[in-house]
Amino acid sequence: LSNLLGLSADAFNNRLHVTRPVLPSFISELDFRRIKVGDSVIDLHFASTGQGEIQVEVRNNTGSVKVEVEQQEKRLEAA
């Protein structure tokens, strides 16, 4: 699941990278909960826009981990 969503943790720098996430065509939304990165625990929500892009939203962050999302050729920071 981590590979499909493009998750890569960097606990030393307190970051979670989400690189070109993909959802199968039969799943339009997915909640991935209690992801541990260093001392932080976060919940992420993935939703298909229907245009080949996946929106990523941080739903809960019990620490100071930063989430960086890379969609195709652009890089964004999720709030």
Protein backbone atom coordinates (compact mmCIF):
# COMPACT_ATOMS: atom_id res chain seq x y z
CA LEU A 1 0.00 0.00 0.00
CA SER A 2 2.86 2.37 0.80
CA ASN A 3 4.31 1.87 -2.68
CA LEU A 4 0.97 2.47 -4.38
CA LEU A 5 0.51 5.73 -2.46
CA GLY A 6 4.15 6.71 -2.97
CA LEU A 7 4.97 7.03 0.74
CA SER A 8 8.55 7.48 1.86
CA ALA A 9 9.40 8.50 5.44
CA ASP A 10 12.42 10.55 6.46
CA ALA A 11 12.21 10.38 10.27
CA PHE A 12 15.59 12.07 10.78
CA ASN A 13 14.36 15.23 9.00
CA ASN A 14 10.77 14.83 10.25
CA ARG A 15 9.25 14.56 6.75
CA LEU A 16 6.92 12.26 4.88
CA HIS A 17 7.19 12.30 1.09
CA VAL A 18 4.18 11.34 -1.04
CA THR A 19 5.43 10.82 -4.59
CA ARG A 20 2.94 10.43 -7.46
CA PRO A 21 0.23 8.61 -5.48
CA VAL A 22 -2.05 6.22 -7.38
CA LEU A 23 -5.45 4.77 -6.51
CA PRO A 24 -6.95 1.82 -8.40
CA SER A 25 -9.92 2.79 -10.60
CA PHE A 26 -12.36 1.05 -8.23
CA ILE A 27 -11.26 3.17 -5.22
CA SER A 28 -12.14 6.87 -5.26
CA GLU A 29 -11.10 7.69 -1.67
CA LEU A 30 -8.82 6.13 0.91
CA ASP A 31 -7.95 7.01 4.51
CA PHE A 32 -4.53 5.86 5.71
CA ARG A 33 -4.39 6.25 9.49
CA ARG A 34 -1.78 6.23 12.20
CA ILE A 35 1.30 6.60 10.00
CA LYS A 36 4.29 6.89 12.31
CA VAL A 37 7.20 9.12 11.28
CA GLY A 38 9.74 9.60 14.06
CA ASP A 39 7.77 10.73 17.13
CA SER A 40 4.82 11.95 15.02
CA VAL A 41 1.65 10.09 14.02
CA ILE A 42 -0.48 11.36 11.12
CA ASP A 43 -3.61 10.41 9.20
CA LEU A 44 -3.81 11.02 5.44
CA HIS A 45 -6.84 11.15 3.16
CA PHE A 46 -6.37 10.34 -0.54
CA ALA A 47 -9.09 11.23 -3.08
CA SER A 48 -9.19 10.81 -6.84
CA THR A 49 -10.10 13.97 -8.77
CA GLY A 50 -11.30 11.85 -11.69
CA GLN A 51 -8.72 13.59 -13.89
CA GLY A 52 -5.82 11.29 -13.11
CA GLU A 53 -4.65 13.26 -10.08
CA ILE A 54 -4.89 12.26 -6.43
CA GLN A 55 -5.54 14.90 -3.76
CA VAL A 56 -3.76 14.35 -0.46
CA GLU A 57 -5.02 15.88 2.77
CA VAL A 58 -3.51 15.65 6.24
CA ARG A 59 -6.42 14.84 8.57
CA ASN A 60 -4.52 14.55 11.83
CA ASN A 61 -0.95 15.33 12.86
CA THR A 62 0.07 14.62 16.45
CA GLY A 63 3.58 15.90 15.94
CA SER A 64 5.63 18.20 13.78
CA VAL A 65 6.11 16.01 10.69
CA LYS A 66 5.90 17.87 7.37
CA VAL A 67 4.20 16.18 4.42
CA GLU A 68 5.52 16.89 0.93
CA VAL A 69 3.38 15.80 -2.01
CA GLU A 70 4.77 15.45 -5.54
CA GLN A 71 2.11 15.18 -8.24
CA GLN A 72 3.49 14.38 -11.70
CA GLU A 73 5.99 17.22 -12.29
CA LYS A 74 4.98 19.62 -9.50
CA ARG A 75 5.78 19.54 -5.81
CA LEU A 76 3.34 20.74 -3.12
CA GLU A 77 3.29 20.81 0.67
CA ALA A 78 0.11 19.43 2.21
CA ALA A 79 -1.44 21.46 5.03
